[in-house]
Amino acid sequence: MTRTAQPLHISDLTEFARALHRQLPAPQPTHLSLLNMLARAAGFQNYQHLHAETAPAPADPKRVAAALRVFDARGRMIKWPSKTALQQLCVWGLWHHLPQTPLTERQISELLNDWHLFGDAALLRRTMVERGLVRRTADGSVYLRGSPTQPAEATELMRALVQV
């Protein structure tokens, strides 16, 4: 008989361990021992290893500061950065201005032109599509804002730009 995998999403492992702890017969393992057992069952060395692997990477303040230098006091992109990693971070600063509604190529270009000063909306559109920040139909007539996972630096950059 084949076994069907049952995915289990646990939003808070500590609460899960406490609930499991209450159901175990005596003698009960300590809370930390139980967390370690659960982590090992998931393929990690211990709870600390699980936590280190699953915790989001903190934002690098130097990268965020470098990206902020690409924007003016009004939050508009002044220039296109030469480094690819910085380019990929900076387009997040434009992404948060895009509406959730479908846009034509002309509409998205006009919107991007409002938020950058170097006059290359096509470059920005292409980069956003390549990074998954924007999706477009096969014929390129309709653009939709994507919902990718934001890196920590992007979240910090957008937070700083909103305050500008």
N, C-alpha and C. Protein backbone atom coordinates (compact mmCIF):
# COMPACT_ATOMS: atom_id res chain seq x y z
N MET A 1 0.85 -1.17 0.00
CA MET A 1 0.00 0.00 0.00
C MET A 1 0.90 1.23 0.00
N THR A 2 0.63 2.16 -0.92
CA THR A 2 1.43 3.38 -0.99
C THR A 2 1.01 4.37 0.08
N ARG A 3 1.96 5.13 0.49
CA ARG A 3 1.70 6.12 1.54
C ARG A 3 1.58 7.50 0.90
N THR A 4 0.57 8.24 1.27
CA THR A 4 0.40 9.59 0.77
C THR A 4 1.05 10.55 1.76
N ALA A 5 1.92 11.40 1.25
CA ALA A 5 2.57 12.38 2.12
C ALA A 5 1.54 13.41 2.59
N GLN A 6 1.57 13.70 3.87
CA GLN A 6 0.66 14.68 4.46
C GLN A 6 1.48 15.89 4.89
N PRO A 7 1.41 16.99 4.15
CA PRO A 7 2.18 18.17 4.56
C PRO A 7 1.64 18.73 5.88
N LEU A 8 2.54 19.23 6.69
CA LEU A 8 2.17 19.78 7.98
C LEU A 8 2.85 21.14 8.12
N HIS A 9 2.07 22.19 8.11
CA HIS A 9 2.62 23.53 8.29
C HIS A 9 2.42 23.93 9.74
N ILE A 10 3.50 24.27 10.40
CA ILE A 10 3.44 24.68 11.81
C ILE A 10 3.94 26.11 11.88
N SER A 11 3.04 27.05 12.17
CA SER A 11 3.44 28.45 12.19
C SER A 11 4.29 28.80 13.40
N ASP A 12 4.09 28.10 14.53
CA ASP A 12 4.87 28.36 15.73
C ASP A 12 5.27 27.03 16.35
N LEU A 13 6.52 26.63 16.15
CA LEU A 13 6.99 25.34 16.64
C LEU A 13 6.97 25.26 18.16
N THR A 14 7.20 26.37 18.82
CA THR A 14 7.18 26.38 20.29
C THR A 14 5.78 26.03 20.82
N GLU A 15 4.75 26.65 20.26
CA GLU A 15 3.38 26.34 20.69
C GLU A 15 3.02 24.90 20.37
N PHE A 16 3.46 24.42 19.21
CA PHE A 16 3.23 23.03 18.82
C PHE A 16 3.87 22.09 19.84
N ALA A 17 5.11 22.39 20.22
CA ALA A 17 5.82 21.56 21.20
C ALA A 17 5.11 21.59 22.56
N ARG A 18 4.60 22.75 22.96
CA ARG A 18 3.88 22.84 24.23
C ARG A 18 2.61 21.99 24.21
N ALA A 19 1.88 22.08 23.08
CA ALA A 19 0.65 21.30 22.96
C ALA A 19 0.96 19.80 22.97
N LEU A 20 2.02 19.40 22.30
CA LEU A 20 2.43 18.00 22.29
C LEU A 20 2.89 17.57 23.69
N HIS A 21 3.60 18.45 24.36
CA HIS A 21 4.10 18.17 25.71
C HIS A 21 2.96 17.86 26.66
N ARG A 22 1.87 18.60 26.55
CA ARG A 22 0.72 18.39 27.45
C ARG A 22 0.06 17.03 27.21
N GLN A 23 0.24 16.47 26.02
CA GLN A 23 -0.42 15.21 25.69
C GLN A 23 0.44 13.98 25.97
N LEU A 24 1.71 14.18 26.24
CA LEU A 24 2.61 13.05 26.47
C LEU A 24 2.43 12.50 27.88
N PRO A 25 2.55 11.17 28.03
CA PRO A 25 2.48 10.59 29.38
C PRO A 25 3.76 10.89 30.14
N ALA A 26 3.68 10.79 31.45
CA ALA A 26 4.86 11.02 32.29
C ALA A 26 5.83 9.87 32.10
N PRO A 27 7.11 10.01 32.26
CA PRO A 27 7.85 11.27 32.45
C PRO A 27 7.97 12.01 31.12
N GLN A 28 7.71 13.28 31.17
CA GLN A 28 7.73 14.10 29.97
C GLN A 28 9.11 14.69 29.74
N PRO A 29 9.53 14.79 28.46
CA PRO A 29 10.80 15.45 28.18
C PRO A 29 10.67 16.95 28.41
N THR A 30 11.78 17.61 28.60
CA THR A 30 11.73 19.07 28.77
C THR A 30 11.29 19.71 27.46
N HIS A 31 10.91 20.96 27.55
CA HIS A 31 10.47 21.69 26.36
C HIS A 31 11.57 21.73 25.31
N LEU A 32 12.79 22.03 25.71
CA LEU A 32 13.91 22.10 24.77
C LEU A 32 14.20 20.73 24.17
N SER A 33 14.13 19.68 24.97
CA SER A 33 14.34 18.33 24.45
C SER A 33 13.30 18.00 23.38
N LEU A 34 12.07 18.40 23.64
CA LEU A 34 11.00 18.15 22.68
C LEU A 34 11.23 18.94 21.39
N LEU A 35 11.65 20.19 21.51
CA LEU A 35 11.97 20.99 20.32
C LEU A 35 13.09 20.33 19.52
N ASN A 36 14.11 19.84 20.20
CA ASN A 36 15.22 19.17 19.52
C ASN A 36 14.75 17.90 18.82
N MET A 37 13.87 17.12 19.47
CA MET A 37 13.34 15.90 18.85
C MET A 37 12.57 16.23 17.57
N LEU A 38 11.73 17.26 17.65
CA LEU A 38 10.96 17.67 16.48
C LEU A 38 11.88 18.13 15.35
N ALA A 39 12.90 18.88 15.70
CA ALA A 39 13.85 19.36 14.68
C ALA A 39 14.58 18.18 14.05
N ARG A 40 15.04 17.22 14.86
CA ARG A 40 15.73 16.05 14.31
C ARG A 40 14.79 15.24 13.41
N ALA A 41 13.51 15.14 13.79
CA ALA A 41 12.54 14.42 12.97
C ALA A 41 12.36 15.10 11.61
N ALA A 42 12.60 16.41 11.56
CA ALA A 42 12.49 17.16 10.30
C ALA A 42 13.80 17.17 9.52
N GLY A 43 14.84 16.49 10.06
CA GLY A 43 16.10 16.38 9.33
C GLY A 43 17.17 17.37 9.74
N PHE A 44 16.98 18.06 10.84
CA PHE A 44 17.98 19.02 11.32
C PHE A 44 18.75 18.40 12.47
N GLN A 45 19.90 18.99 12.80
CA GLN A 45 20.72 18.48 13.89
C GLN A 45 20.06 18.71 15.24
N ASN A 46 19.47 19.89 15.41
CA ASN A 46 18.79 20.25 16.64
C ASN A 46 17.92 21.48 16.36
N TYR A 47 17.26 21.97 17.39
CA TYR A 47 16.36 23.12 17.20
C TYR A 47 17.11 24.36 16.75
N GLN A 48 18.30 24.57 17.27
CA GLN A 48 19.08 25.75 16.88
C GLN A 48 19.43 25.69 15.39
N HIS A 49 19.75 24.51 14.89
CA HIS A 49 20.05 24.34 13.47
C HIS A 49 18.81 24.63 12.63
N LEU A 50 17.65 24.12 13.05
CA LEU A 50 16.40 24.39 12.34
C LEU A 50 16.13 25.89 12.31
N HIS A 51 16.28 26.52 13.45
CA HIS A 51 16.01 27.96 13.54
C HIS A 51 16.95 28.77 12.65
N ALA A 52 18.21 28.39 12.61
CA ALA A 52 19.19 29.10 11.78
C ALA A 52 18.89 28.91 10.29
N GLU A 53 18.42 27.74 9.91
CA GLU A 53 18.13 27.46 8.50
C GLU A 53 16.84 28.12 8.02
N THR A 54 15.88 28.28 8.91
CA THR A 54 14.57 28.77 8.49
C THR A 54 14.36 30.25 8.78
N ALA A 55 15.23 30.85 9.57
CA ALA A 55 15.09 32.28 9.88
C ALA A 55 15.46 33.10 8.67
N PRO A 56 14.68 34.13 8.36
CA PRO A 56 15.03 34.97 7.21
C PRO A 56 16.35 35.70 7.46
N ALA A 57 17.11 35.84 6.39
CA ALA A 57 18.38 36.55 6.51
C ALA A 57 18.10 38.02 6.83
N PRO A 58 18.85 38.59 7.76
CA PRO A 58 18.62 40.00 8.08
C PRO A 58 19.09 40.90 6.93
N ALA A 59 18.51 42.05 6.87
CA ALA A 59 18.86 43.01 5.83
C ALA A 59 20.29 43.50 6.04
N ASP A 60 21.01 43.63 4.93
CA ASP A 60 22.37 44.17 4.98
C ASP A 60 22.25 45.69 4.87
N PRO A 61 22.54 46.44 5.94
CA PRO A 61 22.37 47.89 5.90
C PRO A 61 23.25 48.58 4.86
N LYS A 62 24.39 48.00 4.53
CA LYS A 62 25.27 48.60 3.51
C LYS A 62 24.62 48.52 2.13
N ARG A 63 24.00 47.37 1.84
CA ARG A 63 23.31 47.23 0.54
C ARG A 63 22.12 48.18 0.45
N VAL A 64 21.38 48.30 1.54
CA VAL A 64 20.23 49.20 1.55
C VAL A 64 20.69 50.64 1.37
N ALA A 65 21.76 51.03 2.05
CA ALA A 65 22.30 52.39 1.93
C ALA A 65 22.79 52.65 0.51
N ALA A 66 23.44 51.66 -0.11
CA ALA A 66 23.90 51.82 -1.49
C ALA A 66 22.72 52.00 -2.44
N ALA A 67 21.65 51.25 -2.21
CA ALA A 67 20.46 51.37 -3.05
C ALA A 67 19.79 52.73 -2.85
N LEU A 68 19.75 53.21 -1.63
CA LEU A 68 19.12 54.50 -1.35
C LEU A 68 19.85 55.65 -2.05
N ARG A 69 21.15 55.51 -2.26
CA ARG A 69 21.91 56.55 -2.96
C ARG A 69 21.52 56.65 -4.43
N VAL A 70 20.83 55.65 -4.96
CA VAL A 70 20.39 55.65 -6.35
C VAL A 70 19.09 56.45 -6.50
N PHE A 71 18.45 56.80 -5.39
CA PHE A 71 17.18 57.52 -5.40
C PHE A 71 17.37 58.95 -4.92
N ASP A 72 16.54 59.85 -5.45
CA ASP A 72 16.61 61.25 -5.00
C ASP A 72 15.73 61.46 -3.78
N ALA A 73 15.62 62.70 -3.34
CA ALA A 73 14.88 63.03 -2.13
C ALA A 73 13.38 62.74 -2.26
N ARG A 74 12.87 62.69 -3.49
CA ARG A 74 11.44 62.39 -3.71
C ARG A 74 11.19 60.90 -3.94
N GLY A 75 12.25 60.09 -3.88
CA GLY A 75 12.10 58.65 -4.06
C GLY A 75 12.15 58.20 -5.50
N ARG A 76 12.64 59.07 -6.40
CA ARG A 76 12.77 58.70 -7.82
C ARG A 76 14.17 58.15 -8.08
N MET A 77 14.24 57.16 -8.95
CA MET A 77 15.51 56.55 -9.29
C MET A 77 16.29 57.51 -10.19
N ILE A 78 17.50 57.88 -9.77
CA ILE A 78 18.30 58.86 -10.50
C ILE A 78 19.06 58.24 -11.66
N LYS A 79 19.65 57.07 -11.41
CA LYS A 79 20.49 56.42 -12.43
C LYS A 79 20.33 54.92 -12.33
N TRP A 80 20.78 54.23 -13.37
CA TRP A 80 20.76 52.78 -13.39
C TRP A 80 22.09 52.30 -12.83
N PRO A 81 22.08 51.55 -11.72
CA PRO A 81 23.33 51.10 -11.11
C PRO A 81 24.12 50.17 -12.04
N SER A 82 25.43 50.18 -11.91
CA SER A 82 26.26 49.33 -12.76
C SER A 82 26.31 47.89 -12.26
N LYS A 83 26.13 47.67 -10.97
CA LYS A 83 26.19 46.32 -10.40
C LYS A 83 24.81 45.65 -10.48
N THR A 84 24.82 44.42 -10.96
CA THR A 84 23.57 43.68 -11.15
C THR A 84 22.82 43.49 -9.83
N ALA A 85 23.52 43.16 -8.77
CA ALA A 85 22.85 42.94 -7.48
C ALA A 85 22.15 44.21 -7.01
N LEU A 86 22.77 45.34 -7.25
CA LEU A 86 22.16 46.61 -6.86
C LEU A 86 20.97 46.94 -7.77
N GLN A 87 21.07 46.63 -9.04
CA GLN A 87 19.95 46.82 -9.97
C GLN A 87 18.74 46.04 -9.49
N GLN A 88 18.99 44.78 -9.14
CA GLN A 88 17.90 43.90 -8.71
C GLN A 88 17.24 44.39 -7.43
N LEU A 89 18.01 45.01 -6.56
CA LEU A 89 17.45 45.57 -5.34
C LEU A 89 16.68 46.86 -5.63
N CYS A 90 17.22 47.70 -6.49
CA CYS A 90 16.60 49.01 -6.76
C CYS A 90 15.25 48.91 -7.46
N VAL A 91 15.05 47.89 -8.29
CA VAL A 91 13.74 47.78 -8.96
C VAL A 91 12.62 47.52 -7.97
N TRP A 92 12.96 46.99 -6.79
CA TRP A 92 11.93 46.85 -5.75
C TRP A 92 11.42 48.23 -5.33
N GLY A 93 12.29 49.23 -5.38
CA GLY A 93 11.87 50.58 -5.03
C GLY A 93 10.83 51.14 -5.98
N LEU A 94 10.82 50.62 -7.21
CA LEU A 94 9.80 51.02 -8.19
C LEU A 94 8.59 50.10 -8.13
N TRP A 95 8.82 48.84 -7.82
CA TRP A 95 7.76 47.84 -7.79
C TRP A 95 6.63 48.24 -6.86
N HIS A 96 6.97 48.83 -5.71
CA HIS A 96 5.91 49.12 -4.73
C HIS A 96 4.99 50.25 -5.19
N HIS A 97 5.33 50.94 -6.27
CA HIS A 97 4.45 51.97 -6.83
C HIS A 97 3.43 51.39 -7.82
N LEU A 98 3.64 50.16 -8.24
CA LEU A 98 2.76 49.57 -9.25
C LEU A 98 1.44 49.13 -8.62
N PRO A 99 0.34 49.40 -9.30
CA PRO A 99 -0.97 48.97 -8.78
C PRO A 99 -1.19 47.48 -9.02
N GLN A 100 -2.17 46.92 -8.34
CA GLN A 100 -2.51 45.51 -8.51
C GLN A 100 -3.34 45.26 -9.77
N THR A 101 -3.75 46.32 -10.44
CA THR A 101 -4.60 46.19 -11.62
C THR A 101 -3.76 45.95 -12.86
N PRO A 102 -4.32 45.30 -13.89
CA PRO A 102 -3.59 45.09 -15.14
C PRO A 102 -3.24 46.43 -15.80
N LEU A 103 -2.07 46.49 -16.42
CA LEU A 103 -1.61 47.70 -17.10
C LEU A 103 -1.19 47.35 -18.52
N THR A 104 -1.39 48.28 -19.42
CA THR A 104 -0.86 48.12 -20.77
C THR A 104 0.62 48.50 -20.73
N GLU A 105 1.33 48.21 -21.81
CA GLU A 105 2.75 48.58 -21.86
C GLU A 105 2.93 50.08 -21.72
N ARG A 106 2.06 50.83 -22.35
CA ARG A 106 2.15 52.29 -22.27
C ARG A 106 1.89 52.78 -20.84
N GLN A 107 0.89 52.21 -20.18
CA GLN A 107 0.57 52.62 -18.81
C GLN A 107 1.70 52.32 -17.84
N ILE A 108 2.29 51.13 -17.94
CA ILE A 108 3.38 50.81 -17.02
C ILE A 108 4.60 51.67 -17.32
N SER A 109 4.83 51.97 -18.59
CA SER A 109 5.96 52.84 -18.95
C SER A 109 5.76 54.25 -18.40
N GLU A 110 4.55 54.77 -18.50
CA GLU A 110 4.26 56.10 -17.97
C GLU A 110 4.44 56.14 -16.45
N LEU A 111 3.98 55.08 -15.80
CA LEU A 111 4.13 55.01 -14.35
C LEU A 111 5.61 54.95 -13.97
N LEU A 112 6.38 54.12 -14.66
CA LEU A 112 7.81 54.02 -14.38
C LEU A 112 8.53 55.33 -14.69
N ASN A 113 8.11 56.02 -15.74
CA ASN A 113 8.72 57.31 -16.09
C ASN A 113 8.52 58.34 -14.98
N ASP A 114 7.42 58.22 -14.24
CA ASP A 114 7.19 59.13 -13.11
C ASP A 114 8.16 58.86 -11.96
N TRP A 115 8.73 57.66 -11.92
CA TRP A 115 9.55 57.27 -10.77
C TRP A 115 11.03 57.04 -11.09
N HIS A 116 11.45 57.43 -12.31
CA HIS A 116 12.88 57.39 -12.60
C HIS A 116 13.24 58.56 -13.50
N LEU A 117 14.53 58.93 -13.49
CA LEU A 117 14.98 60.14 -14.19
C LEU A 117 15.93 59.87 -15.34
N PHE A 118 16.23 58.62 -15.65
CA PHE A 118 17.21 58.36 -16.71
C PHE A 118 16.59 57.93 -18.03
N GLY A 119 15.27 57.92 -18.12
CA GLY A 119 14.56 57.77 -19.39
C GLY A 119 14.65 56.42 -20.06
N ASP A 120 14.63 55.33 -19.31
CA ASP A 120 14.67 54.00 -19.94
C ASP A 120 13.67 53.07 -19.27
N ALA A 121 12.39 53.33 -19.52
CA ALA A 121 11.33 52.51 -18.93
C ALA A 121 11.39 51.08 -19.44
N ALA A 122 11.85 50.89 -20.69
CA ALA A 122 11.93 49.54 -21.25
C ALA A 122 12.92 48.68 -20.47
N LEU A 123 14.05 49.25 -20.10
CA LEU A 123 15.04 48.54 -19.30
C LEU A 123 14.44 48.15 -17.95
N LEU A 124 13.73 49.05 -17.33
CA LEU A 124 13.10 48.77 -16.04
C LEU A 124 12.02 47.69 -16.17
N ARG A 125 11.20 47.79 -17.21
CA ARG A 125 10.15 46.78 -17.44
C ARG A 125 10.77 45.40 -17.62
N ARG A 126 11.78 45.31 -18.48
CA ARG A 126 12.43 44.02 -18.75
C ARG A 126 13.04 43.44 -17.47
N THR A 127 13.72 44.27 -16.70
CA THR A 127 14.34 43.80 -15.46
C THR A 127 13.28 43.32 -14.48
N MET A 128 12.19 44.03 -14.38
CA MET A 128 11.13 43.63 -13.46
C MET A 128 10.48 42.32 -13.90
N VAL A 129 10.34 42.12 -15.19
CA VAL A 129 9.79 40.86 -15.70
C VAL A 129 10.77 39.72 -15.42
N GLU A 130 12.06 39.94 -15.71
CA GLU A 130 13.08 38.91 -15.47
C GLU A 130 13.15 38.52 -14.00
N ARG A 131 12.99 39.47 -13.10
CA ARG A 131 13.07 39.21 -11.66
C ARG A 131 11.76 38.66 -11.09
N GLY A 132 10.70 38.62 -11.89
CA GLY A 132 9.42 38.11 -11.41
C GLY A 132 8.60 39.14 -10.65
N LEU A 133 9.03 40.40 -10.68
CA LEU A 133 8.27 41.45 -10.00
C LEU A 133 7.03 41.82 -10.80
N VAL A 134 7.10 41.61 -12.10
CA VAL A 134 5.99 41.90 -13.01
C VAL A 134 5.83 40.71 -13.94
N ARG A 135 4.60 40.34 -14.21
CA ARG A 135 4.30 39.30 -15.20
C ARG A 135 3.65 39.98 -16.39
N ARG A 136 3.85 39.41 -17.56
CA ARG A 136 3.17 39.95 -18.74
C ARG A 136 2.62 38.80 -19.57
N THR A 137 1.61 39.14 -20.36
CA THR A 137 1.03 38.13 -21.23
C THR A 137 2.03 37.80 -22.33
N ALA A 138 1.79 36.70 -23.03
CA ALA A 138 2.72 36.23 -24.06
C ALA A 138 2.94 37.29 -25.14
N ASP A 139 1.89 38.03 -25.47
CA ASP A 139 2.04 39.05 -26.51
C ASP A 139 2.55 40.38 -25.96
N GLY A 140 2.75 40.46 -24.65
CA GLY A 140 3.31 41.67 -24.04
C GLY A 140 2.34 42.83 -23.93
N SER A 141 1.05 42.56 -24.13
CA SER A 141 0.08 43.66 -24.13
C SER A 141 -0.42 44.01 -22.72
N VAL A 142 -0.35 43.07 -21.79
CA VAL A 142 -0.86 43.32 -20.44
C VAL A 142 0.23 42.96 -19.42
N TYR A 143 0.44 43.86 -18.48
CA TYR A 143 1.41 43.67 -17.40
C TYR A 143 0.67 43.60 -16.07
N LEU A 144 1.08 42.67 -15.23
CA LEU A 144 0.48 42.51 -13.91
C LEU A 144 1.59 42.51 -12.86
N ARG A 145 1.33 43.19 -11.78
CA ARG A 145 2.29 43.21 -10.67
C ARG A 145 2.37 41.81 -10.08
N GLY A 146 3.59 41.28 -9.94
CA GLY A 146 3.80 39.97 -9.37
C GLY A 146 3.79 40.03 -7.85
N SER A 147 3.86 38.87 -7.23
CA SER A 147 3.89 38.77 -5.77
C SER A 147 5.05 37.90 -5.32
N PRO A 148 6.28 38.25 -5.71
CA PRO A 148 7.42 37.43 -5.29
C PRO A 148 7.76 37.65 -3.83
N THR A 149 8.54 36.75 -3.28
CA THR A 149 9.01 36.89 -1.91
C THR A 149 10.04 38.00 -1.86
N GLN A 150 9.82 38.94 -0.97
CA GLN A 150 10.73 40.09 -0.87
C GLN A 150 11.94 39.74 -0.02
N PRO A 151 13.14 40.04 -0.55
CA PRO A 151 14.30 39.90 0.32
C PRO A 151 14.26 40.98 1.41
N ALA A 152 14.95 40.73 2.50
CA ALA A 152 14.94 41.67 3.63
C ALA A 152 15.41 43.06 3.20
N GLU A 153 16.40 43.12 2.30
CA GLU A 153 16.90 44.43 1.84
C GLU A 153 15.82 45.19 1.09
N ALA A 154 15.01 44.47 0.30
CA ALA A 154 13.94 45.13 -0.46
C ALA A 154 12.90 45.72 0.48
N THR A 155 12.57 44.98 1.53
CA THR A 155 11.60 45.48 2.50
C THR A 155 12.12 46.75 3.16
N GLU A 156 13.39 46.73 3.56
CA GLU A 156 13.99 47.92 4.19
C GLU A 156 14.08 49.09 3.22
N LEU A 157 14.42 48.81 1.96
CA LEU A 157 14.50 49.87 0.95
C LEU A 157 13.14 50.52 0.74
N MET A 158 12.10 49.71 0.58
CA MET A 158 10.76 50.25 0.37
C MET A 158 10.30 51.04 1.60
N ARG A 159 10.62 50.55 2.79
CA ARG A 159 10.25 51.26 4.00
C ARG A 159 10.92 52.64 4.03
N ALA A 160 12.19 52.70 3.66
CA ALA A 160 12.92 53.97 3.66
C ALA A 160 12.39 54.91 2.59
N LEU A 161 12.03 54.36 1.43
CA LEU A 161 11.53 55.21 0.34
C LEU A 161 10.15 55.77 0.65
N VAL A 162 9.34 55.05 1.37
CA VAL A 162 8.00 55.54 1.75
C VAL A 162 8.14 56.73 2.69
N GLN A 163 9.17 56.73 3.51
CA GLN A 163 9.38 57.83 4.46
C GLN A 163 9.93 59.08 3.79
N VAL A 164 10.41 58.94 2.56
CA VAL A 164 10.99 60.10 1.84
C VAL A 164 9.91 61.06 1.45
